């Protein structure tokens, strides 16, 4: 049915999953930094974080992908050439990971900020009164509860991020969308190959929903739902 191209497309699946997983790590870093900036006492930090989340969330991912990939390379090479060094070509894989991570870091900023604010501040104050340091308060009091509050928003962002990895094919990354496009061009059967890719994405998101729901239940143990 797929004219022998299925193993090739499945090979591209590992590239897609690698981009998604590493982008998630980058996004979490940006998200935590952005949330910390928004909750800090520094007006400048809050302003930078606000501009970051507003601009990124207000522009399409495709536009941002192209702008950051091409504009970022131009800026990098201008800085490199100013130092007298040779021209630098950013690998598509690294560019895709950093770009997607940077984009979704803006969404996770709001997710993490809301999760931190959902933790009753009195608990942190009580912990400090018992002599805990700020690091201990964060690790033992805030972080475990923040994770529980952040999981629903985190899950949604992960699902959208997985689908957004399809955009890396436009910057030359050899993922399963790129391979399916090549197979479709060779066989002139685009519908068949893109349906196959769609089913693979559906399998990834379905498995992700199952695992994340189990994780949410794990972190909700002992928490009673309040009914009104």
Protein backbone atom coordinates (compact mmCIF):
# COMPACT_ATOMS: atom_id res chain seq x y z
CA UNK A 1 0.00 0.00 0.00
CA UNK A 2 2.83 2.38 0.81
CA UNK A 3 5.07 1.01 -1.97
CA UNK A 4 7.76 -0.05 0.51
CA UNK A 5 8.18 3.44 1.97
CA UNK A 6 6.77 2.59 5.41
CA UNK A 7 10.15 1.69 7.01
CA UNK A 8 11.60 4.95 5.68
CA UNK A 9 8.74 7.01 7.14
CA UNK A 10 8.92 5.15 10.46
CA UNK A 11 12.66 5.93 10.51
CA UNK A 12 11.72 9.60 10.34
CA UNK A 13 9.44 9.05 13.33
CA UNK A 14 12.48 8.80 15.60
CA UNK A 15 13.67 12.17 14.36
CA UNK A 16 10.23 13.62 15.14
CA UNK A 17 10.21 12.14 18.65
CA UNK A 18 13.77 13.35 19.30
CA UNK A 19 12.87 16.88 18.24
CA UNK A 20 9.75 16.82 20.42
CA UNK A 21 11.53 15.47 23.51
CA UNK A 22 14.49 17.85 23.34
CA UNK A 23 12.21 20.78 22.50
CA UNK A 24 10.23 20.00 25.64
CA UNK A 25 13.39 20.25 27.74
CA UNK A 26 14.24 23.63 26.18
CA UNK A 27 10.65 24.82 26.60
CA UNK A 28 10.64 23.84 30.29
CA UNK A 29 13.83 25.85 30.85
CA UNK A 30 12.37 28.93 29.16
CA UNK A 31 9.05 28.35 30.92
CA UNK A 32 10.59 28.19 34.39
CA UNK A 33 12.78 31.22 33.73
CA UNK A 34 9.80 33.14 32.35
CA UNK A 35 7.59 32.20 35.30
CA UNK A 36 10.32 33.19 37.76
CA UNK A 37 10.74 36.51 35.96
CA UNK A 38 7.01 37.24 36.01
CA UNK A 39 6.82 36.50 39.73
CA UNK A 40 10.01 38.37 40.62
CA UNK A 41 10.18 41.74 42.27
CA UNK A 42 12.12 43.21 39.34
CA UNK A 43 10.05 45.41 37.06
CA UNK A 44 12.57 44.92 34.22
CA UNK A 45 12.39 41.12 34.50
CA UNK A 46 8.60 41.20 34.54
CA UNK A 47 8.60 43.48 31.50
CA UNK A 48 10.93 41.23 29.48
CA UNK A 49 8.88 38.16 30.36
CA UNK A 50 5.65 39.93 29.45
CA UNK A 51 7.00 40.98 26.05
CA UNK A 52 8.28 37.44 25.44
CA UNK A 53 4.97 35.74 26.17
CA UNK A 54 2.85 38.36 24.42
CA UNK A 55 4.85 38.37 21.17
CA UNK A 56 5.38 34.62 20.94
CA UNK A 57 1.79 33.69 21.73
CA UNK A 58 0.49 36.30 19.32
CA UNK A 59 2.30 35.06 16.20
CA UNK A 60 1.80 31.85 14.17
CA UNK A 61 4.31 29.07 14.80
CA UNK A 62 5.16 28.86 11.09
CA UNK A 63 6.08 32.55 10.93
CA UNK A 64 8.16 32.27 14.08
CA UNK A 65 9.89 29.13 12.81
CA UNK A 66 11.01 30.84 9.61
CA UNK A 67 11.87 34.14 11.29
CA UNK A 68 13.94 32.57 14.08
CA UNK A 69 15.62 30.02 11.81
CA UNK A 70 16.70 32.43 9.08
CA UNK A 71 16.93 35.59 11.17
CA UNK A 72 18.79 33.79 13.93
CA UNK A 73 21.38 32.46 11.49
CA UNK A 74 21.90 35.92 10.00
CA UNK A 75 22.34 37.48 13.45
CA UNK A 76 24.68 34.70 14.59
CA UNK A 77 26.88 35.03 11.53
CA UNK A 78 27.04 38.79 11.85
CA UNK A 79 28.29 38.37 15.41
CA UNK A 80 30.74 35.65 14.34
CA UNK A 81 32.10 37.65 11.41
CA UNK A 82 32.48 40.69 13.66
CA UNK A 83 34.91 38.59 15.70
CA UNK A 84 36.80 37.58 12.57
CA UNK A 85 35.64 33.95 12.65
CA UNK A 86 34.38 31.77 9.80
CA UNK A 87 30.76 31.52 8.68
CA UNK A 88 28.60 29.22 10.82
CA UNK A 89 25.78 27.00 9.52
CA UNK A 90 23.31 26.01 12.22
CA UNK A 91 22.24 22.34 11.81
CA UNK A 92 18.49 22.04 11.06
CA UNK A 93 18.03 19.64 13.99
CA UNK A 94 19.50 22.06 16.54
CA UNK A 95 17.66 24.98 14.96
CA UNK A 96 14.35 23.11 15.05
CA UNK A 97 14.77 22.06 18.69
CA UNK A 98 15.78 25.54 19.88
CA UNK A 99 13.06 27.27 17.87
CA UNK A 100 10.21 25.02 19.02
CA UNK A 101 11.51 25.10 22.58
CA UNK A 102 11.69 28.89 22.52
CA UNK A 103 8.16 29.18 21.14
CA UNK A 104 6.53 26.81 23.59
CA UNK A 105 8.53 28.19 26.48
CA UNK A 106 6.19 31.18 26.29
CA UNK A 107 3.15 28.95 26.77
CA UNK A 108 4.78 27.01 29.59
CA UNK A 109 5.68 30.30 31.27
CA UNK A 110 2.00 30.94 31.88
CA UNK A 111 1.39 27.32 32.83
CA UNK A 112 4.15 27.32 35.44
CA UNK A 113 3.26 30.78 36.72
CA UNK A 114 -0.35 29.75 37.31
CA UNK A 115 0.76 26.52 38.97
CA UNK A 116 3.08 28.35 41.36
CA UNK A 117 0.37 30.86 42.26
CA UNK A 118 -2.02 27.97 42.96
CA UNK A 119 0.16 26.82 45.86
CA UNK A 120 -1.10 28.49 49.08
CA UNK A 121 1.55 31.06 50.07
CA UNK A 122 0.98 30.32 53.73
CA UNK A 123 2.68 26.95 53.33
CA UNK A 124 5.91 28.54 52.16
CA UNK A 125 5.75 31.11 54.93
CA UNK A 126 5.24 28.37 57.51
CA UNK A 127 8.19 26.41 56.12
CA UNK A 128 10.45 29.46 56.35
CA UNK A 129 9.24 30.01 59.93
CA UNK A 130 10.48 26.49 60.71
CA UNK A 131 13.91 27.44 59.41
CA UNK A 132 13.84 26.06 55.87
CA UNK A 133 15.94 27.83 53.27
CA UNK A 134 14.40 29.15 50.05
CA UNK A 135 15.85 26.17 48.17
CA UNK A 136 14.32 23.71 50.60
CA UNK A 137 10.96 25.51 50.43
CA UNK A 138 11.05 25.25 46.65
CA UNK A 139 12.03 21.56 46.55
CA UNK A 140 9.86 20.27 49.39
CA UNK A 141 6.82 22.55 49.41
CA UNK A 142 6.29 24.43 46.16
CA UNK A 143 7.62 22.09 43.45
CA UNK A 144 5.62 18.92 44.36
CA UNK A 145 2.36 20.89 44.50
CA UNK A 146 3.22 23.01 41.48
CA UNK A 147 3.67 19.87 39.37
CA UNK A 148 0.15 18.71 40.21
CA UNK A 149 -1.36 22.05 39.20
CA UNK A 150 0.80 22.30 36.06
CA UNK A 151 0.10 18.85 34.59
CA UNK A 152 -3.16 19.71 32.74
CA UNK A 153 -1.64 22.75 31.00
CA UNK A 154 1.65 20.92 30.50
CA UNK A 155 -0.19 18.04 28.83
CA UNK A 156 -1.96 20.35 26.39
CA UNK A 157 1.29 22.09 25.49
CA UNK A 158 3.04 18.76 24.92
CA UNK A 159 0.31 17.57 22.55
CA UNK A 160 0.45 20.80 20.55
CA UNK A 161 4.25 20.69 20.53
CA UNK A 162 4.29 17.16 19.11
CA UNK A 163 2.09 18.29 16.23
CA UNK A 164 4.20 21.42 15.75
CA UNK A 165 7.27 19.28 15.04
CA UNK A 166 5.84 18.86 11.54
CA UNK A 167 7.02 22.42 10.91
CA UNK A 168 10.69 21.40 11.06
CA UNK A 169 10.33 19.78 7.66
CA UNK A 170 10.20 23.25 6.06
CA UNK A 171 13.73 24.04 7.28
CA UNK A 172 15.17 20.85 5.79
CA UNK A 173 15.03 18.44 8.71
CA UNK A 174 14.61 14.83 7.60
CA UNK A 175 11.62 13.96 9.81
CA UNK A 176 8.71 11.70 8.87
CA UNK A 177 6.75 14.57 7.27
CA UNK A 178 9.69 15.37 5.01
CA UNK A 179 10.12 11.71 4.09
CA UNK A 180 6.39 11.31 3.45
CA UNK A 181 6.52 14.34 1.16
CA UNK A 182 9.38 12.81 -0.82
CA UNK A 183 7.51 9.51 -1.08
CA UNK A 184 4.35 11.30 -2.16
CA UNK A 185 6.27 13.14 -4.88
CA UNK A 186 7.82 9.91 -6.14
CA UNK A 187 4.55 7.94 -6.23
CA UNK A 188 2.10 10.79 -6.83
CA UNK A 189 -0.04 9.50 -3.97
CA UNK A 190 0.11 12.31 -1.38
CA UNK A 191 -3.16 11.35 0.32
CA UNK A 192 -1.92 7.86 1.19
CA UNK A 193 1.34 8.98 2.73
CA UNK A 194 0.02 11.97 4.64
CA UNK A 195 -2.81 9.86 6.07
CA UNK A 196 -0.15 7.40 7.25
CA UNK A 197 1.80 10.24 8.89
CA UNK A 198 -1.41 11.54 10.46
CA UNK A 199 -2.08 8.12 11.97
CA UNK A 200 1.44 8.03 13.42
CA UNK A 201 0.91 11.45 15.02
CA UNK A 202 -2.44 10.24 16.36
CA UNK A 203 -0.73 7.21 17.90
CA UNK A 204 1.85 9.43 19.61
CA UNK A 205 -0.74 11.82 21.02
CA UNK A 206 -3.05 8.99 22.16
CA UNK A 207 -0.21 7.29 24.04
CA UNK A 208 0.82 10.66 25.49
CA UNK A 209 -2.70 11.34 26.75
CA UNK A 210 -2.79 7.93 28.45
CA UNK A 211 0.60 8.36 30.14
CA UNK A 212 -0.04 11.94 31.21
CA UNK A 213 -3.43 11.04 32.66
CA UNK A 214 -1.72 8.35 34.73
CA UNK A 215 0.84 10.91 35.87
CA UNK A 216 -1.91 13.34 36.85
CA UNK A 217 -3.64 10.65 38.92
CA UNK A 218 -0.32 9.83 40.57
CA UNK A 219 0.20 13.41 41.69
CA UNK A 220 -3.44 13.75 42.77
CA UNK A 221 -3.29 10.91 45.29
CA UNK A 222 -4.69 12.06 48.61
CA UNK A 223 -6.21 15.22 47.13
CA UNK A 224 -9.95 15.44 47.51
CA UNK A 225 -12.05 17.21 44.91
CA UNK A 226 -14.17 20.02 46.34
CA UNK A 227 -17.79 19.98 45.15
CA UNK A 228 -19.95 23.07 45.21
